[in-house]
């Protein structure tokens, strides 16, 4: 491979991630020089940050939000059910009131006819008793 093809091959590769710089290894006094066999120092592996806490936080937030939506939906459904039940009661009460008003107006129109059929006549000189004084008072027409 020529130098130009090697340069183009390197340029065609995706950019590599920057490497983390580590401290250089240094010899420890009283170590390898005093022992009969040589021990090599090994670098500790780089620890990758764990994604588990972040995933647990996301899962917890999702579960809490789903439970909140479920509670809200249940509360609204219960309120809607109670509202429709109360509207039914209001409609029934309105029908009862209308029926009673019709009965009252029918009784008011039939009252004079029923009184005549029983032999009653309108009073010509009405008198009343005053509850405050206990005396007999003549009607307003006289």
N, C-alpha and C. Protein backbone atom coordinates (compact mmCIF):
# COMPACT_ATOMS: atom_id res chain seq x y z
N UNK A 1 0.85 -1.15 0.00
CA UNK A 1 0.00 0.00 0.00
C UNK A 1 0.91 1.23 0.00
N UNK A 2 0.57 2.16 -0.83
CA UNK A 2 1.41 3.35 -0.94
C UNK A 2 1.01 4.34 0.14
N UNK A 3 1.76 5.39 0.25
CA UNK A 3 1.51 6.40 1.28
C UNK A 3 0.24 7.17 1.01
N UNK A 4 -0.09 7.39 -0.26
CA UNK A 4 -1.32 8.13 -0.58
C UNK A 4 -2.55 7.30 -0.32
N UNK A 5 -2.50 6.00 -0.62
CA UNK A 5 -3.66 5.15 -0.35
C UNK A 5 -3.86 4.96 1.14
N UNK A 6 -2.79 4.90 1.91
CA UNK A 6 -2.89 4.77 3.36
C UNK A 6 -3.52 6.02 3.95
N UNK A 7 -3.15 7.20 3.42
CA UNK A 7 -3.71 8.45 3.92
C UNK A 7 -5.19 8.55 3.59
N UNK A 8 -5.59 8.12 2.41
CA UNK A 8 -7.00 8.15 2.05
C UNK A 8 -7.79 7.12 2.84
N UNK A 9 -7.18 5.98 3.14
CA UNK A 9 -7.87 4.95 3.93
C UNK A 9 -8.11 5.46 5.35
N UNK A 10 -7.11 6.18 5.90
CA UNK A 10 -7.30 6.75 7.23
C UNK A 10 -8.37 7.83 7.24
N UNK A 11 -8.42 8.60 6.18
CA UNK A 11 -9.42 9.66 6.08
C UNK A 11 -10.82 9.08 5.89
N UNK A 12 -10.92 7.92 5.28
CA UNK A 12 -12.22 7.31 5.03
C UNK A 12 -12.80 6.68 6.29
N UNK A 13 -11.94 6.32 7.24
CA UNK A 13 -12.43 5.72 8.48
C UNK A 13 -13.16 6.77 9.33
N UNK A 14 -14.15 6.32 10.10
CA UNK A 14 -14.81 7.29 10.98
C UNK A 14 -13.83 7.77 12.05
N UNK A 15 -14.05 8.95 12.50
CA UNK A 15 -13.16 9.54 13.50
C UNK A 15 -13.21 8.72 14.77
N UNK A 16 -12.04 8.43 15.31
CA UNK A 16 -11.97 7.63 16.53
C UNK A 16 -12.27 8.51 17.72
N UNK A 17 -12.81 7.89 18.76
CA UNK A 17 -13.10 8.62 19.99
C UNK A 17 -11.80 9.02 20.67
N UNK A 18 -11.75 10.16 21.30
CA UNK A 18 -10.51 10.55 21.99
C UNK A 18 -10.25 9.60 23.15
N UNK A 19 -9.01 9.23 23.29
CA UNK A 19 -8.65 8.29 24.36
C UNK A 19 -8.42 9.05 25.66
N UNK A 20 -8.76 8.39 26.75
CA UNK A 20 -8.55 8.99 28.06
C UNK A 20 -7.08 8.87 28.44
N UNK A 21 -6.52 9.95 28.88
CA UNK A 21 -5.10 9.90 29.27
C UNK A 21 -5.00 9.40 30.70
N UNK A 22 -4.07 8.46 30.85
CA UNK A 22 -3.83 7.90 32.18
C UNK A 22 -2.48 8.40 32.69
N UNK A 23 -2.36 8.35 33.96
CA UNK A 23 -1.07 8.72 34.56
C UNK A 23 -0.02 7.68 34.18
N UNK A 24 1.22 8.09 33.96
CA UNK A 24 2.26 7.12 33.60
C UNK A 24 2.57 6.20 34.78
N UNK A 25 2.99 4.98 34.46
CA UNK A 25 3.34 4.01 35.49
C UNK A 25 4.70 4.37 36.07
N UNK A 26 4.80 4.24 37.36
CA UNK A 26 6.08 4.50 38.02
C UNK A 26 6.44 3.30 38.87
N UNK A 27 7.71 3.08 39.04
CA UNK A 27 8.18 1.95 39.83
C UNK A 27 7.99 2.24 41.31
N UNK A 28 7.61 1.22 42.05
CA UNK A 28 7.40 1.36 43.48
C UNK A 28 8.67 0.88 44.18
N UNK A 29 9.14 1.64 45.12
CA UNK A 29 10.37 1.24 45.82
C UNK A 29 10.11 0.00 46.66
N UNK A 30 11.08 -0.90 46.64
CA UNK A 30 10.96 -2.13 47.40
C UNK A 30 10.12 -3.14 46.68
N UNK A 31 9.90 -2.95 45.41
CA UNK A 31 9.03 -3.83 44.66
C UNK A 31 9.80 -4.84 43.84
N UNK A 32 9.78 -4.68 42.55
CA UNK A 32 10.31 -5.67 41.62
C UNK A 32 11.81 -5.85 41.75
N UNK A 33 12.55 -4.85 42.13
CA UNK A 33 14.01 -4.95 42.23
C UNK A 33 14.45 -5.89 43.33
N UNK A 34 13.69 -6.07 44.37
CA UNK A 34 14.11 -6.89 45.50
C UNK A 34 13.64 -8.33 45.37
N UNK A 35 12.71 -8.59 44.53
CA UNK A 35 12.20 -9.95 44.41
C UNK A 35 12.98 -10.70 43.33
N UNK A 36 12.89 -12.00 43.41
CA UNK A 36 13.64 -12.79 42.44
C UNK A 36 12.96 -12.79 41.08
N UNK A 37 11.68 -12.76 41.02
CA UNK A 37 11.01 -12.68 39.73
C UNK A 37 10.40 -11.31 39.57
N UNK A 38 10.20 -10.98 38.36
CA UNK A 38 9.74 -9.63 38.04
C UNK A 38 8.21 -9.61 37.95
N UNK A 39 7.63 -8.63 38.63
CA UNK A 39 6.18 -8.43 38.56
C UNK A 39 5.92 -7.17 37.77
N UNK A 40 5.00 -7.25 36.86
CA UNK A 40 4.66 -6.07 36.07
C UNK A 40 3.43 -5.41 36.68
N UNK A 41 3.44 -4.10 36.69
CA UNK A 41 2.29 -3.35 37.18
C UNK A 41 1.24 -3.30 36.07
N UNK A 42 0.01 -3.53 36.43
CA UNK A 42 -1.09 -3.55 35.46
C UNK A 42 -2.01 -2.39 35.76
N UNK A 43 -2.39 -1.70 34.73
CA UNK A 43 -3.31 -0.58 34.93
C UNK A 43 -4.70 -1.11 35.25
N UNK A 44 -5.37 -0.40 36.10
CA UNK A 44 -6.76 -0.76 36.42
C UNK A 44 -7.64 -0.42 35.22
N UNK A 45 -8.63 -1.26 34.94
CA UNK A 45 -9.49 -0.96 33.79
C UNK A 45 -10.33 0.29 34.06
N UNK A 46 -10.64 0.99 32.99
CA UNK A 46 -11.50 2.17 33.14
C UNK A 46 -12.91 1.70 33.45
N UNK A 47 -13.50 2.33 34.44
CA UNK A 47 -14.86 1.96 34.82
C UNK A 47 -15.84 2.77 34.01
N UNK A 48 -16.70 2.06 33.30
CA UNK A 48 -17.75 2.77 32.56
C UNK A 48 -18.85 3.15 33.54
N UNK A 49 -19.43 4.31 33.33
CA UNK A 49 -20.52 4.73 34.22
C UNK A 49 -21.72 3.85 33.96
N UNK A 50 -22.32 3.40 35.03
CA UNK A 50 -23.47 2.52 34.92
C UNK A 50 -24.72 3.32 34.53
N UNK A 51 -25.51 2.77 33.65
CA UNK A 51 -26.75 3.41 33.22
C UNK A 51 -27.96 2.92 34.02
N UNK A 52 -27.72 1.98 34.92
CA UNK A 52 -28.82 1.40 35.69
C UNK A 52 -29.56 2.46 36.53
N UNK A 53 -28.89 3.35 37.25
CA UNK A 53 -29.64 4.34 38.03
C UNK A 53 -30.52 5.24 37.15
N UNK A 54 -29.98 5.64 36.00
CA UNK A 54 -30.77 6.48 35.09
C UNK A 54 -31.99 5.71 34.57
N UNK A 55 -31.80 4.45 34.21
CA UNK A 55 -32.91 3.63 33.71
C UNK A 55 -33.94 3.39 34.82
N UNK A 56 -33.48 3.20 36.04
CA UNK A 56 -34.40 3.01 37.16
C UNK A 56 -35.20 4.29 37.40
N UNK A 57 -34.55 5.45 37.30
CA UNK A 57 -35.25 6.72 37.46
C UNK A 57 -36.32 6.88 36.37
N UNK A 58 -35.95 6.58 35.13
CA UNK A 58 -36.92 6.69 34.03
C UNK A 58 -38.10 5.74 34.23
N UNK A 59 -37.81 4.49 34.62
CA UNK A 59 -38.87 3.51 34.85
C UNK A 59 -39.77 3.94 36.00
N UNK A 60 -39.18 4.48 37.06
CA UNK A 60 -39.97 4.95 38.21
C UNK A 60 -40.87 6.11 37.80
N UNK A 61 -40.33 7.07 37.06
CA UNK A 61 -41.15 8.20 36.61
C UNK A 61 -42.28 7.73 35.71
N UNK A 62 -42.02 6.75 34.85
CA UNK A 62 -43.06 6.25 33.97
C UNK A 62 -44.16 5.54 34.77
N UNK A 63 -43.77 4.74 35.73
CA UNK A 63 -44.76 4.02 36.54
C UNK A 63 -45.59 5.00 37.37
N UNK A 64 -44.93 6.00 37.97
CA UNK A 64 -45.66 6.99 38.77
C UNK A 64 -46.64 7.76 37.89
N UNK A 65 -46.21 8.14 36.69
CA UNK A 65 -47.11 8.89 35.81
C UNK A 65 -48.27 8.02 35.35
N UNK A 66 -48.04 6.75 35.08
CA UNK A 66 -49.14 5.87 34.68
C UNK A 66 -50.14 5.67 35.81
N UNK A 67 -49.64 5.53 37.03
CA UNK A 67 -50.54 5.38 38.18
C UNK A 67 -51.35 6.66 38.38
N UNK A 68 -50.70 7.82 38.22
CA UNK A 68 -51.41 9.09 38.37
C UNK A 68 -52.50 9.24 37.32
N UNK A 69 -52.22 8.85 36.09
CA UNK A 69 -53.23 8.92 35.03
C UNK A 69 -54.37 7.96 35.32
N UNK A 70 -54.06 6.77 35.83
CA UNK A 70 -55.10 5.80 36.17
C UNK A 70 -56.00 6.34 37.28
N UNK A 71 -55.42 6.92 38.32
CA UNK A 71 -56.21 7.47 39.42
C UNK A 71 -57.08 8.64 38.93
N UNK A 72 -56.50 9.50 38.11
CA UNK A 72 -57.25 10.63 37.56
C UNK A 72 -58.41 10.15 36.69
N UNK A 73 -58.16 9.17 35.84
CA UNK A 73 -59.21 8.64 34.97
C UNK A 73 -60.32 7.99 35.79
N UNK A 74 -59.96 7.24 36.81
CA UNK A 74 -60.96 6.59 37.67
C UNK A 74 -61.81 7.62 38.40
N UNK A 75 -61.18 8.67 38.90
CA UNK A 75 -61.89 9.73 39.61
C UNK A 75 -62.87 10.44 38.68
N UNK A 76 -62.42 10.74 37.46
CA UNK A 76 -63.30 11.41 36.50
C UNK A 76 -64.46 10.51 36.09
N UNK A 77 -64.22 9.21 35.93
CA UNK A 77 -65.29 8.29 35.57
C UNK A 77 -66.33 8.20 36.69
N UNK A 78 -65.85 8.15 37.94
CA UNK A 78 -66.77 8.09 39.08
C UNK A 78 -67.61 9.38 39.15
N UNK A 79 -66.96 10.53 38.95
CA UNK A 79 -67.68 11.80 38.96
C UNK A 79 -68.69 11.89 37.84
N UNK A 80 -68.36 11.36 36.68
CA UNK A 80 -69.29 11.36 35.55
C UNK A 80 -70.50 10.48 35.85
N UNK A 81 -70.25 9.32 36.48
CA UNK A 81 -71.35 8.42 36.83
C UNK A 81 -72.28 9.10 37.85
N UNK A 82 -71.72 9.73 38.86
CA UNK A 82 -72.54 10.41 39.87
C UNK A 82 -73.32 11.56 39.24
N UNK A 83 -72.69 12.28 38.32
CA UNK A 83 -73.35 13.41 37.67
C UNK A 83 -74.54 12.93 36.84
N UNK A 84 -74.37 11.84 36.10
CA UNK A 84 -75.50 11.34 35.30
C UNK A 84 -76.63 10.83 36.20
N UNK A 85 -76.28 10.23 37.32
CA UNK A 85 -77.30 9.76 38.26
C UNK A 85 -78.07 10.95 38.85
N UNK A 86 -77.37 12.00 39.23
CA UNK A 86 -78.02 13.18 39.80
C UNK A 86 -78.87 13.90 38.75
N UNK A 87 -78.42 13.92 37.50
CA UNK A 87 -79.23 14.52 36.44
C UNK A 87 -80.52 13.75 36.23
N UNK A 88 -80.47 12.43 36.36
CA UNK A 88 -81.68 11.62 36.28
C UNK A 88 -82.65 11.94 37.41
N UNK A 89 -82.11 12.13 38.63
CA UNK A 89 -82.95 12.48 39.76
C UNK A 89 -83.58 13.87 39.57
N UNK A 90 -82.82 14.82 39.03
CA UNK A 90 -83.35 16.16 38.78
C UNK A 90 -84.47 16.10 37.75
N UNK A 91 -84.29 15.30 36.70
CA UNK A 91 -85.33 15.17 35.67
C UNK A 91 -86.60 14.55 36.26
N UNK A 92 -86.44 13.54 37.12
CA UNK A 92 -87.61 12.90 37.74
C UNK A 92 -88.33 13.87 38.67
N UNK A 93 -87.58 14.66 39.44
CA UNK A 93 -88.18 15.65 40.33
C UNK A 93 -88.91 16.72 39.54
N UNK A 94 -88.33 17.15 38.42
CA UNK A 94 -89.00 18.15 37.57
C UNK A 94 -90.31 17.61 37.02
N UNK A 95 -90.34 16.33 36.65
CA UNK A 95 -91.58 15.73 36.16
C UNK A 95 -92.62 15.67 37.28
N UNK A 96 -92.18 15.32 38.48
CA UNK A 96 -93.11 15.27 39.62
C UNK A 96 -93.70 16.66 39.91
N UNK A 97 -92.86 17.69 39.90
CA UNK A 97 -93.33 19.06 40.16
C UNK A 97 -94.33 19.48 39.09
N UNK A 98 -94.03 19.18 37.84
CA UNK A 98 -94.94 19.56 36.76
C UNK A 98 -96.29 18.85 36.90
N UNK A 99 -96.24 17.58 37.28
CA UNK A 99 -97.50 16.85 37.50
C UNK A 99 -98.32 17.44 38.63
N UNK A 100 -97.65 17.80 39.74
CA UNK A 100 -98.36 18.39 40.87
C UNK A 100 -98.92 19.77 40.53
N UNK A 101 -98.21 20.56 39.73
CA UNK A 101 -98.72 21.87 39.31
C UNK A 101 -99.96 21.70 38.42
N UNK A 102 -99.96 20.70 37.57
CA UNK A 102 -101.13 20.44 36.72
C UNK A 102 -102.33 20.03 37.59
N UNK A 103 -102.09 19.19 38.60
CA UNK A 103 -103.16 18.79 39.51
C UNK A 103 -103.71 20.00 40.26
N UNK A 104 -102.82 20.90 40.71
CA UNK A 104 -103.24 22.09 41.44
C UNK A 104 -104.07 23.02 40.56
N UNK A 105 -103.63 23.26 39.34
CA UNK A 105 -104.39 24.15 38.46
C UNK A 105 -105.74 23.52 38.09
N UNK A 106 -105.80 22.20 37.96
CA UNK A 106 -107.08 21.53 37.68
C UNK A 106 -108.01 21.65 38.88
N UNK A 107 -107.46 21.54 40.10
CA UNK A 107 -108.28 21.66 41.30
C UNK A 107 -108.79 23.08 41.48
N UNK A 108 -107.99 24.09 41.14
CA UNK A 108 -108.43 25.48 41.25
C UNK A 108 -109.56 25.79 40.28
N UNK A 109 -109.52 25.23 39.10
CA UNK A 109 -110.60 25.51 38.13
C UNK A 109 -111.88 24.76 38.51
N UNK A 110 -111.76 23.62 39.15
CA UNK A 110 -112.94 22.84 39.52
C UNK A 110 -113.54 23.26 40.86
N UNK A 111 -112.85 24.06 41.66
CA UNK A 111 -113.30 24.42 43.01
C UNK A 111 -114.64 25.15 43.04
N UNK A 112 -114.85 26.19 42.26
CA UNK A 112 -116.16 26.86 42.33
C UNK A 112 -117.32 25.94 41.93
N UNK A 113 -117.10 25.10 40.95
CA UNK A 113 -118.15 24.16 40.51
C UNK A 113 -118.46 23.15 41.62
N UNK A 114 -117.46 22.65 42.29
CA UNK A 114 -117.69 21.68 43.37
C UNK A 114 -118.41 22.35 44.55
N UNK A 115 -118.04 23.62 44.85
CA UNK A 115 -118.70 24.34 45.94
C UNK A 115 -120.18 24.54 45.63
N UNK A 116 -120.54 24.92 44.41
CA UNK A 116 -121.96 25.07 44.03
C UNK A 116 -122.69 23.74 44.11
N UNK A 117 -122.01 22.65 43.71
CA UNK A 117 -122.68 21.34 43.76
C UNK A 117 -122.94 20.91 45.20
N UNK A 118 -122.17 21.42 46.14
CA UNK A 118 -122.40 21.12 47.55
C UNK A 118 -123.39 22.09 48.19
N UNK A 119 -123.88 23.08 47.45
CA UNK A 119 -124.86 24.01 47.96
C UNK A 119 -124.25 25.25 48.58
N UNK A 120 -123.03 25.53 48.35
CA UNK A 120 -122.39 26.71 48.90
C UNK A 120 -122.66 27.90 48.00
N UNK A 121 -122.76 29.08 48.62
CA UNK A 121 -122.98 30.33 47.89
C UNK A 121 -121.92 31.33 48.33
N UNK A 122 -121.59 32.31 47.50
CA UNK A 122 -120.62 33.31 47.93
C UNK A 122 -121.18 34.14 49.08
N UNK A 123 -120.33 34.50 50.02
CA UNK A 123 -120.73 35.30 51.20
C UNK A 123 -120.93 36.74 50.78
N UNK A 124 -122.08 37.32 51.26
CA UNK A 124 -122.37 38.71 50.91
C UNK A 124 -121.74 39.67 51.92
N UNK A 125 -121.75 39.33 53.16
CA UNK A 125 -121.18 40.15 54.22
C UNK A 125 -120.11 39.33 54.96
N UNK A 126 -118.91 39.24 54.44
CA UNK A 126 -117.91 38.43 55.14
C UNK A 126 -117.40 39.15 56.37
N UNK A 127 -117.22 38.45 57.42
CA UNK A 127 -116.63 38.99 58.65
C UNK A 127 -115.47 38.09 59.06
N UNK A 128 -114.52 38.69 59.75
CA UNK A 128 -113.33 37.93 60.14
C UNK A 128 -113.01 38.21 61.59
N UNK A 129 -112.24 37.34 62.17
CA UNK A 129 -111.80 37.50 63.55
C UNK A 129 -110.34 37.89 63.51
N UNK A 130 -110.01 38.98 64.18
CA UNK A 130 -108.62 39.42 64.26
C UNK A 130 -107.91 38.57 65.30
N UNK A 131 -106.81 37.99 64.92
CA UNK A 131 -106.07 37.13 65.85
C UNK A 131 -105.31 37.95 66.90
N UNK A 132 -104.94 39.16 66.57
CA UNK A 132 -104.21 39.99 67.53
C UNK A 132 -105.12 40.45 68.66
N UNK A 133 -106.31 40.95 68.27
CA UNK A 133 -107.21 41.51 69.30
C UNK A 133 -108.29 40.54 69.73
N UNK A 134 -108.62 39.59 68.89
CA UNK A 134 -109.69 38.65 69.21
C UNK A 134 -111.07 39.20 68.94
N UNK A 135 -111.19 40.33 68.23
CA UNK A 135 -112.49 40.95 67.95
C UNK A 135 -112.92 40.59 66.55
N UNK A 136 -114.22 40.68 66.32
CA UNK A 136 -114.80 40.43 65.00
C UNK A 136 -114.66 41.70 64.17
N UNK A 137 -114.14 41.54 62.95
CA UNK A 137 -113.92 42.68 62.07
C UNK A 137 -114.73 42.44 60.80
N UNK A 138 -115.34 43.50 60.33
CA UNK A 138 -116.12 43.38 59.08
C UNK A 138 -115.16 43.32 57.92
N UNK A 139 -115.59 42.75 56.81
CA UNK A 139 -114.77 42.57 55.62
C UNK A 139 -114.37 43.88 54.96
N UNK A 140 -113.48 43.83 54.03
CA UNK A 140 -112.95 45.02 53.36
C UNK A 140 -113.98 45.64 52.44
N UNK A 141 -114.96 44.88 51.98
CA UNK A 141 -115.97 45.41 51.05
C UNK A 141 -116.95 46.32 51.76
N UNK A 142 -117.02 46.41 53.06
CA UNK A 142 -118.03 47.20 53.77
C UNK A 142 -117.45 48.31 54.55
